[in-house]
Structures are given as C-alpha cells and as structure tokens.
Amino acid sequence: MVSGIFILVIILRLIEFPIITQDKLLVAIFGGFFIGTGIGLSARGGSMLDGTEILSIYLNKKIGLSMREIIFGLNIIIFSVATFFLEIETALY
C-alpha cells in the first residue's frame, strides 16, 4: 500500500496532466463518477483503498452496521469538517 502511494506521488510529479475544463460542476460530476467506479470495483474485488474502508471493516465487526452505512457516516463527518475549514460551496462540490 505504501509503495502504491509512493508511485502515485512520483507519477503526479513527473507527468503533466492537462486541465480540460475550469467548470467546477463538470469536474465534480466526472471526478465523482470515476472515483466512485474505481472504489466500487476495488471494493467488489475485496481490496481497500484508504482508512475509511479499514475502519468500516473494523466497526462492522464491532457494532454490526454494514460497511456501506459506516462509510456513509464517515463521509458525512469528513464533509462536515471540510465545510468548517473551507467555504460551503467548495465543500459541496
């Protein structure tokens, strides 16, 4: 997992990705679609991508909620904190 993050950092530093659009709504829609698809396929294959999945597996065994419910709750907490530190419009995107 650490090696994957390290490789991602190197790739993001070395490869110049073009900015396709400045429209925040399009970026949010397509970014959400692609990240959601990637996470869904990854979870379907039984792998984990970040701490929320690991924490949801742990809490699933302890409190009995489904992983989906736990991840949803954690995302609400994360976006609430983001809204506190950023402006609400940015957090909503």
PDB file of N, CA and C in Angstrom:
ATOM      1  N   MET A   1       0.822  -1.177   0.000  1.00  0.00           N
ATOM      2  CA  MET A   1       0.000   0.000   0.000  1.00  0.00           C
ATOM      3  C   MET A   1       0.874   1.252   0.000  1.00  0.00           C
ATOM      4  N   VAL A   2       1.898   1.281   0.812  1.00  0.00           N
ATOM      5  CA  VAL A   2       2.790   2.429   0.868  1.00  0.00           C
ATOM      6  C   VAL A   2       3.500   2.606  -0.468  1.00  0.00           C
ATOM      7  N   SER A   3       3.892   1.495  -1.084  1.00  0.00           N
ATOM      8  CA  SER A   3       4.576   1.600  -2.374  1.00  0.00           C
ATOM      9  C   SER A   3       3.634   2.160  -3.443  1.00  0.00           C
ATOM     10  N   GLY A   4       2.351   1.811  -3.386  1.00  0.00           N
ATOM     11  CA  GLY A   4       1.381   2.347  -4.340  1.00  0.00           C
ATOM     12  C   GLY A   4       1.215   3.846  -4.193  1.00  0.00           C
ATOM     13  N   ILE A   5       1.165   4.328  -2.963  1.00  0.00           N
ATOM     14  CA  ILE A   5       1.051   5.767  -2.714  1.00  0.00           C
ATOM     15  C   ILE A   5       2.313   6.476  -3.179  1.00  0.00           C
ATOM     16  N   PHE A   6       3.467   5.884  -2.912  1.00  0.00           N
ATOM     17  CA  PHE A   6       4.741   6.468  -3.332  1.00  0.00           C
ATOM     18  C   PHE A   6       4.814   6.576  -4.855  1.00  0.00           C
ATOM     19  N   ILE A   7       4.406   5.536  -5.553  1.00  0.00           N
ATOM     20  CA  ILE A   7       4.404   5.551  -7.025  1.00  0.00           C
ATOM     21  C   ILE A   7       3.429   6.596  -7.545  1.00  0.00           C
ATOM     22  N   LEU A   8       2.267   6.721  -6.921  1.00  0.00           N
ATOM     23  CA  LEU A   8       1.291   7.737  -7.324  1.00  0.00           C
ATOM     24  C   LEU A   8       1.877   9.136  -7.181  1.00  0.00           C
ATOM     25  N   VAL A   9       2.572   9.407  -6.086  1.00  0.00           N
ATOM     26  CA  VAL A   9       3.195  10.719  -5.878  1.00  0.00           C
ATOM     27  C   VAL A   9       4.217  10.999  -6.968  1.00  0.00           C
ATOM     28  N   ILE A  10       5.025  10.019  -7.301  1.00  0.00           N
ATOM     29  CA  ILE A  10       6.037  10.201  -8.346  1.00  0.00           C
ATOM     30  C   ILE A  10       5.373  10.483  -9.689  1.00  0.00           C
ATOM     31  N   ILE A  11       4.343   9.718 -10.030  1.00  0.00           N
ATOM     32  CA  ILE A  11       3.648   9.916 -11.306  1.00  0.00           C
ATOM     33  C   ILE A  11       3.019  11.297 -11.374  1.00  0.00           C
ATOM     34  N   LEU A  12       2.386  11.735 -10.288  1.00  0.00           N
ATOM     35  CA  LEU A  12       1.754  13.052 -10.278  1.00  0.00           C
ATOM     36  C   LEU A  12       2.782  14.170 -10.389  1.00  0.00           C
ATOM     37  N   ARG A  13       3.999  13.936  -9.923  1.00  0.00           N
ATOM     38  CA  ARG A  13       5.061  14.938 -10.033  1.00  0.00           C
ATOM     39  C   ARG A  13       5.689  14.958 -11.424  1.00  0.00           C
ATOM     40  N   LEU A  14       5.809  13.803 -12.052  1.00  0.00           N
ATOM     41  CA  LEU A  14       6.532  13.709 -13.318  1.00  0.00           C
ATOM     42  C   LEU A  14       5.670  13.963 -14.546  1.00  0.00           C
ATOM     43  N   ILE A  15       4.411  13.576 -14.496  1.00  0.00           N
ATOM     44  CA  ILE A  15       3.547  13.688 -15.672  1.00  0.00           C
ATOM     45  C   ILE A  15       2.685  14.935 -15.551  1.00  0.00           C
ATOM     46  N   GLU A  16       2.707  15.745 -16.585  1.00  0.00           N
ATOM     47  CA  GLU A  16       1.890  16.969 -16.627  1.00  0.00           C
ATOM     48  C   GLU A  16       0.527  16.612 -17.221  1.00  0.00           C
ATOM     49  N   PHE A  17      -0.510  16.672 -16.402  1.00  0.00           N
ATOM     50  CA  PHE A  17      -1.851  16.365 -16.855  1.00  0.00           C
ATOM     51  C   PHE A  17      -2.540  17.645 -17.316  1.00  0.00           C
ATOM     52  N   PRO A  18      -3.169  17.623 -18.494  1.00  0.00           N
ATOM     53  CA  PRO A  18      -3.808  18.850 -18.995  1.00  0.00           C
ATOM     54  C   PRO A  18      -5.071  19.189 -18.198  1.00  0.00           C
ATOM     55  N   ILE A  19      -5.330  20.477 -18.059  1.00  0.00           N
ATOM     56  CA  ILE A  19      -6.575  20.934 -17.450  1.00  0.00           C
ATOM     57  C   ILE A  19      -7.603  20.975 -18.576  1.00  0.00           C
ATOM     58  N   ILE A  20      -8.601  20.135 -18.468  1.00  0.00           N
ATOM     59  CA  ILE A  20      -9.585  20.009 -19.541  1.00  0.00           C
ATOM     60  C   ILE A  20     -10.650  21.079 -19.434  1.00  0.00           C
ATOM     61  N   THR A  21     -11.070  21.382 -18.212  1.00  0.00           N
ATOM     62  CA  THR A  21     -12.104  22.394 -18.015  1.00  0.00           C
ATOM     63  C   THR A  21     -11.899  23.095 -16.679  1.00  0.00           C
ATOM     64  N   GLN A  22     -12.382  24.312 -16.590  1.00  0.00           N
ATOM     65  CA  GLN A  22     -12.350  25.072 -15.343  1.00  0.00           C
ATOM     66  C   GLN A  22     -13.695  24.996 -14.610  1.00  0.00           C
ATOM     67  N   ASP A  23     -14.682  24.355 -15.239  1.00  0.00           N
ATOM     68  CA  ASP A  23     -16.034  24.270 -14.678  1.00  0.00           C
ATOM     69  C   ASP A  23     -16.047  23.303 -13.489  1.00  0.00           C
ATOM     70  N   LYS A  24     -16.288  23.845 -12.294  1.00  0.00           N
ATOM     71  CA  LYS A  24     -16.250  23.020 -11.078  1.00  0.00           C
ATOM     72  C   LYS A  24     -17.318  21.935 -11.093  1.00  0.00           C
ATOM     73  N   LEU A  25     -18.475  22.218 -11.679  1.00  0.00           N
ATOM     74  CA  LEU A  25     -19.544  21.223 -11.698  1.00  0.00           C
ATOM     75  C   LEU A  25     -19.166  20.019 -12.548  1.00  0.00           C
ATOM     76  N   LEU A  26     -18.613  20.260 -13.726  1.00  0.00           N
ATOM     77  CA  LEU A  26     -18.181  19.142 -14.574  1.00  0.00           C
ATOM     78  C   LEU A  26     -17.072  18.337 -13.905  1.00  0.00           C
ATOM     79  N   VAL A  27     -16.131  19.018 -13.282  1.00  0.00           N
ATOM     80  CA  VAL A  27     -15.046  18.326 -12.591  1.00  0.00           C
ATOM     81  C   VAL A  27     -15.619  17.460 -11.466  1.00  0.00           C
ATOM     82  N   ALA A  28     -16.581  17.999 -10.710  1.00  0.00           N
ATOM     83  CA  ALA A  28     -17.179  17.249  -9.606  1.00  0.00           C
ATOM     84  C   ALA A  28     -17.957  16.039 -10.118  1.00  0.00           C
ATOM     85  N   ILE A  29     -18.718  16.212 -11.187  1.00  0.00           N
ATOM     86  CA  ILE A  29     -19.531  15.103 -11.721  1.00  0.00           C
ATOM     87  C   ILE A  29     -18.642  13.987 -12.257  1.00  0.00           C
ATOM     88  N   PHE A  30     -17.718  14.336 -13.143  1.00  0.00           N
ATOM     89  CA  PHE A  30     -16.884  13.297 -13.744  1.00  0.00           C
ATOM     90  C   PHE A  30     -15.876  12.730 -12.760  1.00  0.00           C
ATOM     91  N   GLY A  31     -15.325  13.586 -11.887  1.00  0.00           N
ATOM     92  CA  GLY A  31     -14.418  13.087 -10.859  1.00  0.00           C
ATOM     93  C   GLY A  31     -15.131  12.127  -9.930  1.00  0.00           C
ATOM     94  N   GLY A  32     -16.353  12.476  -9.511  1.00  0.00           N
ATOM     95  CA  GLY A  32     -17.143  11.599  -8.652  1.00  0.00           C
ATOM     96  C   GLY A  32     -17.475  10.282  -9.330  1.00  0.00           C
ATOM     97  N   PHE A  33     -17.808  10.358 -10.611  1.00  0.00           N
ATOM     98  CA  PHE A  33     -18.133   9.141 -11.355  1.00  0.00           C
ATOM     99  C   PHE A  33     -16.931   8.200 -11.426  1.00  0.00           C
ATOM    100  N   PHE A  34     -15.783   8.749 -11.825  1.00  0.00           N
ATOM    101  CA  PHE A  34     -14.613   7.893 -11.997  1.00  0.00           C
ATOM    102  C   PHE A  34     -14.050   7.387 -10.675  1.00  0.00           C
ATOM    103  N   ILE A  35     -14.014   8.231  -9.651  1.00  0.00           N
ATOM    104  CA  ILE A  35     -13.502   7.756  -8.361  1.00  0.00           C
ATOM    105  C   ILE A  35     -14.486   6.751  -7.749  1.00  0.00           C
ATOM    106  N   GLY A  36     -15.783   6.994  -7.917  1.00  0.00           N
ATOM    107  CA  GLY A  36     -16.778   6.054  -7.412  1.00  0.00           C
ATOM    108  C   GLY A  36     -16.706   4.712  -8.107  1.00  0.00           C
ATOM    109  N   THR A  37     -16.525   4.736  -9.409  1.00  0.00           N
ATOM    110  CA  THR A  37     -16.390   3.490 -10.175  1.00  0.00           C
ATOM    111  C   THR A  37     -15.145   2.730  -9.741  1.00  0.00           C
ATOM    112  N   GLY A  38     -14.042   3.444  -9.597  1.00  0.00           N
ATOM    113  CA  GLY A  38     -12.791   2.798  -9.181  1.00  0.00           C
ATOM    114  C   GLY A  38     -12.894   2.198  -7.791  1.00  0.00           C
ATOM    115  N   ILE A  39     -13.468   2.944  -6.865  1.00  0.00           N
ATOM    116  CA  ILE A  39     -13.613   2.436  -5.495  1.00  0.00           C
ATOM    117  C   ILE A  39     -14.578   1.262  -5.467  1.00  0.00           C
ATOM    118  N   GLY A  40     -15.670   1.359  -6.232  1.00  0.00           N
ATOM    119  CA  GLY A  40     -16.640   0.268  -6.281  1.00  0.00           C
ATOM    120  C   GLY A  40     -16.037  -1.012  -6.831  1.00  0.00           C
ATOM    121  N   LEU A  41     -15.287  -0.904  -7.912  1.00  0.00           N
ATOM    122  CA  LEU A  41     -14.648  -2.089  -8.485  1.00  0.00           C
ATOM    123  C   LEU A  41     -13.591  -2.654  -7.539  1.00  0.00           C
ATOM    124  N   SER A  42     -12.874  -1.770  -6.900  1.00  0.00           N
ATOM    125  CA  SER A  42     -11.856  -2.200  -5.942  1.00  0.00           C
ATOM    126  C   SER A  42     -12.492  -2.929  -4.761  1.00  0.00           C
ATOM    127  N   ALA A  43     -13.554  -2.349  -4.193  1.00  0.00           N
ATOM    128  CA  ALA A  43     -14.234  -2.978  -3.058  1.00  0.00           C
ATOM    129  C   ALA A  43     -14.880  -4.288  -3.465  1.00  0.00           C
ATOM    130  N   ARG A  44     -15.406  -4.326  -4.679  1.00  0.00           N
ATOM    131  CA  ARG A  44     -16.027  -5.566  -5.175  1.00  0.00           C
ATOM    132  C   ARG A  44     -14.998  -6.686  -5.274  1.00  0.00           C
ATOM    133  N   GLY A  45     -13.755  -6.300  -5.586  1.00  0.00           N
ATOM    134  CA  GLY A  45     -12.681  -7.287  -5.679  1.00  0.00           C
ATOM    135  C   GLY A  45     -12.091  -7.657  -4.329  1.00  0.00           C
ATOM    136  N   GLY A  46     -12.563  -6.994  -3.265  1.00  0.00           N
ATOM    137  CA  GLY A  46     -12.112  -7.342  -1.928  1.00  0.00           C
ATOM    138  C   GLY A  46     -10.925  -6.541  -1.427  1.00  0.00           C
ATOM    139  N   SER A  47     -10.549  -5.482  -2.132  1.00  0.00           N
ATOM    140  CA  SER A  47      -9.415  -4.696  -1.665  1.00  0.00           C
ATOM    141  C   SER A  47      -9.887  -3.411  -0.986  1.00  0.00           C
ATOM    142  N   MET A  48      -8.959  -2.717  -0.369  1.00  0.00           N
ATOM    143  CA  MET A  48      -9.268  -1.466   0.326  1.00  0.00           C
ATOM    144  C   MET A  48      -8.382  -0.364  -0.227  1.00  0.00           C
ATOM    145  N   LEU A  49      -8.907   0.857  -0.202  1.00  0.00           N
ATOM    146  CA  LEU A  49      -8.156   1.972  -0.754  1.00  0.00           C
ATOM    147  C   LEU A  49      -7.658   2.949   0.292  1.00  0.00           C
ATOM    148  N   ASP A  50      -8.373   3.115   1.360  1.00  0.00           N
ATOM    149  CA  ASP A  50      -7.957   4.101   2.345  1.00  0.00           C
ATOM    150  C   ASP A  50      -8.446   3.710   3.734  1.00  0.00           C
ATOM    151  N   GLY A  51      -8.237   4.607   4.662  1.00  0.00           N
ATOM    152  CA  GLY A  51      -8.559   4.326   6.055  1.00  0.00           C
ATOM    153  C   GLY A  51     -10.033   4.141   6.337  1.00  0.00           C
ATOM    154  N   THR A  52     -10.912   4.766   5.533  1.00  0.00           N
ATOM    155  CA  THR A  52     -12.335   4.619   5.817  1.00  0.00           C
ATOM    156  C   THR A  52     -12.794   3.177   5.596  1.00  0.00           C
ATOM    157  N   GLU A  53     -12.251   2.518   4.590  1.00  0.00           N
ATOM    158  CA  GLU A  53     -12.620   1.119   4.376  1.00  0.00           C
ATOM    159  C   GLU A  53     -12.095   0.231   5.495  1.00  0.00           C
ATOM    160  N   ILE A  54     -10.864   0.488   5.918  1.00  0.00           N
ATOM    161  CA  ILE A  54     -10.290  -0.298   7.010  1.00  0.00           C
ATOM    162  C   ILE A  54     -11.090  -0.086   8.290  1.00  0.00           C
ATOM    163  N   LEU A  55     -11.405   1.175   8.590  1.00  0.00           N
ATOM    164  CA  LEU A  55     -12.187   1.485   9.780  1.00  0.00           C
ATOM    165  C   LEU A  55     -13.591   0.887   9.682  1.00  0.00           C
ATOM    166  N   SER A  56     -14.182   0.888   8.478  1.00  0.00           N
ATOM    167  CA  SER A  56     -15.534   0.333   8.332  1.00  0.00           C
ATOM    168  C   SER A  56     -15.541  -1.184   8.535  1.00  0.00           C
ATOM    169  N   ILE A  57     -14.499  -1.865   8.111  1.00  0.00           N
ATOM    170  CA  ILE A  57     -14.417  -3.314   8.343  1.00  0.00           C
ATOM    171  C   ILE A  57     -14.315  -3.591   9.844  1.00  0.00           C
ATOM    172  N   TYR A  58     -13.485  -2.809  10.529  1.00  0.00           N
ATOM    173  CA  TYR A  58     -13.321  -2.976  11.974  1.00  0.00           C
ATOM    174  C   TYR A  58     -14.643  -2.697  12.696  1.00  0.00           C
ATOM    175  N   LEU A  59     -15.289  -1.567  12.358  1.00  0.00           N
ATOM    176  CA  LEU A  59     -16.535  -1.211  13.028  1.00  0.00           C
ATOM    177  C   LEU A  59     -17.673  -2.156  12.665  1.00  0.00           C
ATOM    178  N   ASN A  60     -17.639  -2.705  11.459  1.00  0.00           N
ATOM    179  CA  ASN A  60     -18.651  -3.674  11.049  1.00  0.00           C
ATOM    180  C   ASN A  60     -18.656  -4.872  11.976  1.00  0.00           C
ATOM    181  N   LYS A  61     -17.477  -5.317  12.361  1.00  0.00           N
ATOM    182  CA  LYS A  61     -17.375  -6.470  13.265  1.00  0.00           C
ATOM    183  C   LYS A  61     -17.779  -6.105  14.693  1.00  0.00           C
ATOM    184  N   LYS A  62     -17.531  -4.836  15.089  1.00  0.00           N
ATOM    185  CA  LYS A  62     -17.794  -4.418  16.461  1.00  0.00           C
ATOM    186  C   LYS A  62     -19.241  -4.005  16.704  1.00  0.00           C
ATOM    187  N   ILE A  63     -19.838  -3.235  15.769  1.00  0.00           N
ATOM    188  CA  ILE A  63     -21.175  -2.688  16.032  1.00  0.00           C
ATOM    189  C   ILE A  63     -22.261  -3.243  15.120  1.00  0.00           C
ATOM    190  N   GLY A  64     -21.874  -3.989  14.093  1.00  0.00           N
ATOM    191  CA  GLY A  64     -22.868  -4.676  13.286  1.00  0.00           C
ATOM    192  C   GLY A  64     -23.505  -3.873  12.149  1.00  0.00           C
ATOM    193  N   LEU A  65     -23.124  -2.614  11.975  1.00  0.00           N
ATOM    194  CA  LEU A  65     -23.635  -1.860  10.824  1.00  0.00           C
ATOM    195  C   LEU A  65     -22.935  -2.342   9.561  1.00  0.00           C
ATOM    196  N   SER A  66     -23.591  -2.162   8.419  1.00  0.00           N
ATOM    197  CA  SER A  66     -22.960  -2.571   7.170  1.00  0.00           C
ATOM    198  C   SER A  66     -21.824  -1.611   6.824  1.00  0.00           C
ATOM    199  N   MET A  67     -20.900  -2.091   6.015  1.00  0.00           N
ATOM    200  CA  MET A  67     -19.782  -1.246   5.595  1.00  0.00           C
ATOM    201  C   MET A  67     -20.294  -0.015   4.865  1.00  0.00           C
ATOM    202  N   ARG A  68     -21.323  -0.182   4.083  1.00  0.00           N
ATOM    203  CA  ARG A  68     -21.904   0.935   3.331  1.00  0.00           C
ATOM    204  C   ARG A  68     -22.402   2.024   4.270  1.00  0.00           C
ATOM    205  N   GLU A  69     -23.076   1.633   5.327  1.00  0.00           N
ATOM    206  CA  GLU A  69     -23.601   2.601   6.302  1.00  0.00           C
ATOM    207  C   GLU A  69     -22.473   3.305   7.054  1.00  0.00           C
ATOM    208  N   ILE A  70     -21.450   2.555   7.411  1.00  0.00           N
ATOM    209  CA  ILE A  70     -20.333   3.142   8.146  1.00  0.00           C
ATOM    210  C   ILE A  70     -19.564   4.119   7.260  1.00  0.00           C
ATOM    211  N   ILE A  71     -19.289   3.752   6.018  1.00  0.00           N
ATOM    212  CA  ILE A  71     -18.570   4.649   5.102  1.00  0.00           C
ATOM    213  C   ILE A  71     -19.394   5.897   4.849  1.00  0.00           C
ATOM    214  N   PHE A  72     -20.712   5.752   4.711  1.00  0.00           N
ATOM    215  CA  PHE A  72     -21.580   6.911   4.511  1.00  0.00           C
ATOM    216  C   PHE A  72     -21.489   7.859   5.707  1.00  0.00           C
ATOM    217  N   GLY A  73     -21.541   7.306   6.915  1.00  0.00           N
ATOM    218  CA  GLY A  73     -21.425   8.121   8.125  1.00  0.00           C
ATOM    219  C   GLY A  73     -20.072   8.808   8.228  1.00  0.00           C
ATOM    220  N   LEU A  74     -19.001   8.077   7.898  1.00  0.00           N
ATOM    221  CA  LEU A  74     -17.665   8.676   7.931  1.00  0.00           C
ATOM    222  C   LEU A  74     -17.541   9.796   6.902  1.00  0.00           C
ATOM    223  N   ASN A  75     -18.133   9.606   5.735  1.00  0.00           N
ATOM    224  CA  ASN A  75     -18.090  10.658   4.711  1.00  0.00           C
ATOM    225  C   ASN A  75     -18.852  11.902   5.166  1.00  0.00           C
ATOM    226  N   ILE A  76     -19.953  11.718   5.868  1.00  0.00           N
ATOM    227  CA  ILE A  76     -20.679  12.871   6.406  1.00  0.00           C
ATOM    228  C   ILE A  76     -19.791  13.648   7.377  1.00  0.00           C
ATOM    229  N   ILE A  77     -19.073  12.927   8.217  1.00  0.00           N
ATOM    230  CA  ILE A  77     -18.165  13.581   9.167  1.00  0.00           C
ATOM    231  C   ILE A  77     -17.049  14.318   8.419  1.00  0.00           C
ATOM    232  N   ILE A  78     -16.462  13.666   7.426  1.00  0.00           N
ATOM    233  CA  ILE A  78     -15.374  14.277   6.655  1.00  0.00           C
ATOM    234  C   ILE A  78     -15.852  15.546   5.949  1.00  0.00           C
ATOM    235  N   PHE A  79     -17.017  15.489   5.305  1.00  0.00           N
ATOM    236  CA  PHE A  79     -17.518  16.664   4.591  1.00  0.00           C
ATOM    237  C   PHE A  79     -17.945  17.767   5.547  1.00  0.00           C
ATOM    238  N   SER A  80     -18.400  17.403   6.726  1.00  0.00           N
ATOM    239  CA  SER A  80     -18.738  18.418   7.732  1.00  0.00           C
ATOM    240  C   SER A  80     -17.492  19.171   8.179  1.00  0.00           C
ATOM    241  N   VAL A  81     -16.421  18.446   8.400  1.00  0.00           N
ATOM    242  CA  VAL A  81     -15.155  19.086   8.780  1.00  0.00           C
ATOM    243  C   VAL A  81     -14.636  19.950   7.629  1.00  0.00           C
ATOM    244  N   ALA A  82     -14.748  19.448   6.391  1.00  0.00           N
ATOM    245  CA  ALA A  82     -14.316  20.232   5.231  1.00  0.00           C
ATOM    246  C   ALA A  82     -15.120  21.513   5.115  1.00  0.00           C
ATOM    247  N   THR A  83     -16.408  21.453   5.406  1.00  0.00           N
ATOM    248  CA  THR A  83     -17.253  22.648   5.355  1.00  0.00           C
ATOM    249  C   THR A  83     -16.819  23.657   6.410  1.00  0.00           C
ATOM    250  N   PHE A  84     -16.371  23.164   7.557  1.00  0.00           N
ATOM    251  CA  PHE A  84     -15.921  24.054   8.625  1.00  0.00           C
ATOM    252  C   PHE A  84     -14.657  24.812   8.207  1.00  0.00           C
ATOM    253  N   PHE A  85     -13.715  24.101   7.556  1.00  0.00           N
ATOM    254  CA  PHE A  85     -12.445  24.725   7.193  1.00  0.00           C
ATOM    255  C   PHE A  85     -12.464  25.413   5.834  1.00  0.00           C
ATOM    256  N   LEU A  86     -13.308  24.971   4.934  1.00  0.00           N
ATOM    257  CA  LEU A  86     -13.429  25.585   3.611  1.00  0.00           C
ATOM    258  C   LEU A  86     -14.764  26.302   3.545  1.00  0.00           C
ATOM    259  N   GLU A  87     -14.980  27.001   2.481  1.00  0.00           N
ATOM    260  CA  GLU A  87     -16.310  27.597   2.334  1.00  0.00           C
ATOM    261  C   GLU A  87     -17.286  26.507   1.887  1.00  0.00           C
ATOM    262  N   ILE A  88     -18.556  26.723   2.170  1.00  0.00           N
ATOM    263  CA  ILE A  88     -19.562  25.681   1.960  1.00  0.00           C
ATOM    264  C   ILE A  88     -19.675  25.278   0.486  1.00  0.00           C
ATOM    265  N   GLU A  89     -19.535  26.236  -0.418  1.00  0.00           N
ATOM    266  CA  GLU A  89     -19.640  25.918  -1.849  1.00  0.00           C
ATOM    267  C   GLU A  89     -18.547  24.944  -2.275  1.00  0.00           C
ATOM    268  N   THR A  90     -17.333  25.168  -1.829  1.00  0.00           N
ATOM    269  CA  THR A  90     -16.227  24.269  -2.166  1.00  0.00           C
ATOM    270  C   THR A  90     -16.449  22.892  -1.589  1.00  0.00           C
ATOM    271  N   ALA A  91     -16.915  22.814  -0.355  1.00  0.00           N
ATOM    272  CA  ALA A  91     -17.173  21.522   0.286  1.00  0.00           C
ATOM    273  C   ALA A  91     -18.286  20.763  -0.433  1.00  0.00           C
ATOM    274  N   LEU A  92     -19.289  21.484  -0.912  1.00  0.00           N
ATOM    275  CA  LEU A  92     -20.394  20.821  -1.618  1.00  0.00           C
ATOM    276  C   LEU A  92     -19.943  20.234  -2.954  1.00  0.00           C
ATOM    277  N   TYR A  93     -19.024  20.904  -3.624  1.00  0.00           N
ATOM    278  CA  TYR A  93     -18.501  20.315  -4.863  1.00  0.00           C
ATOM    279  C   TYR A  93     -17.741  19.053  -4.537  1.00  0.00           C
TER     280      TYR A  93
END
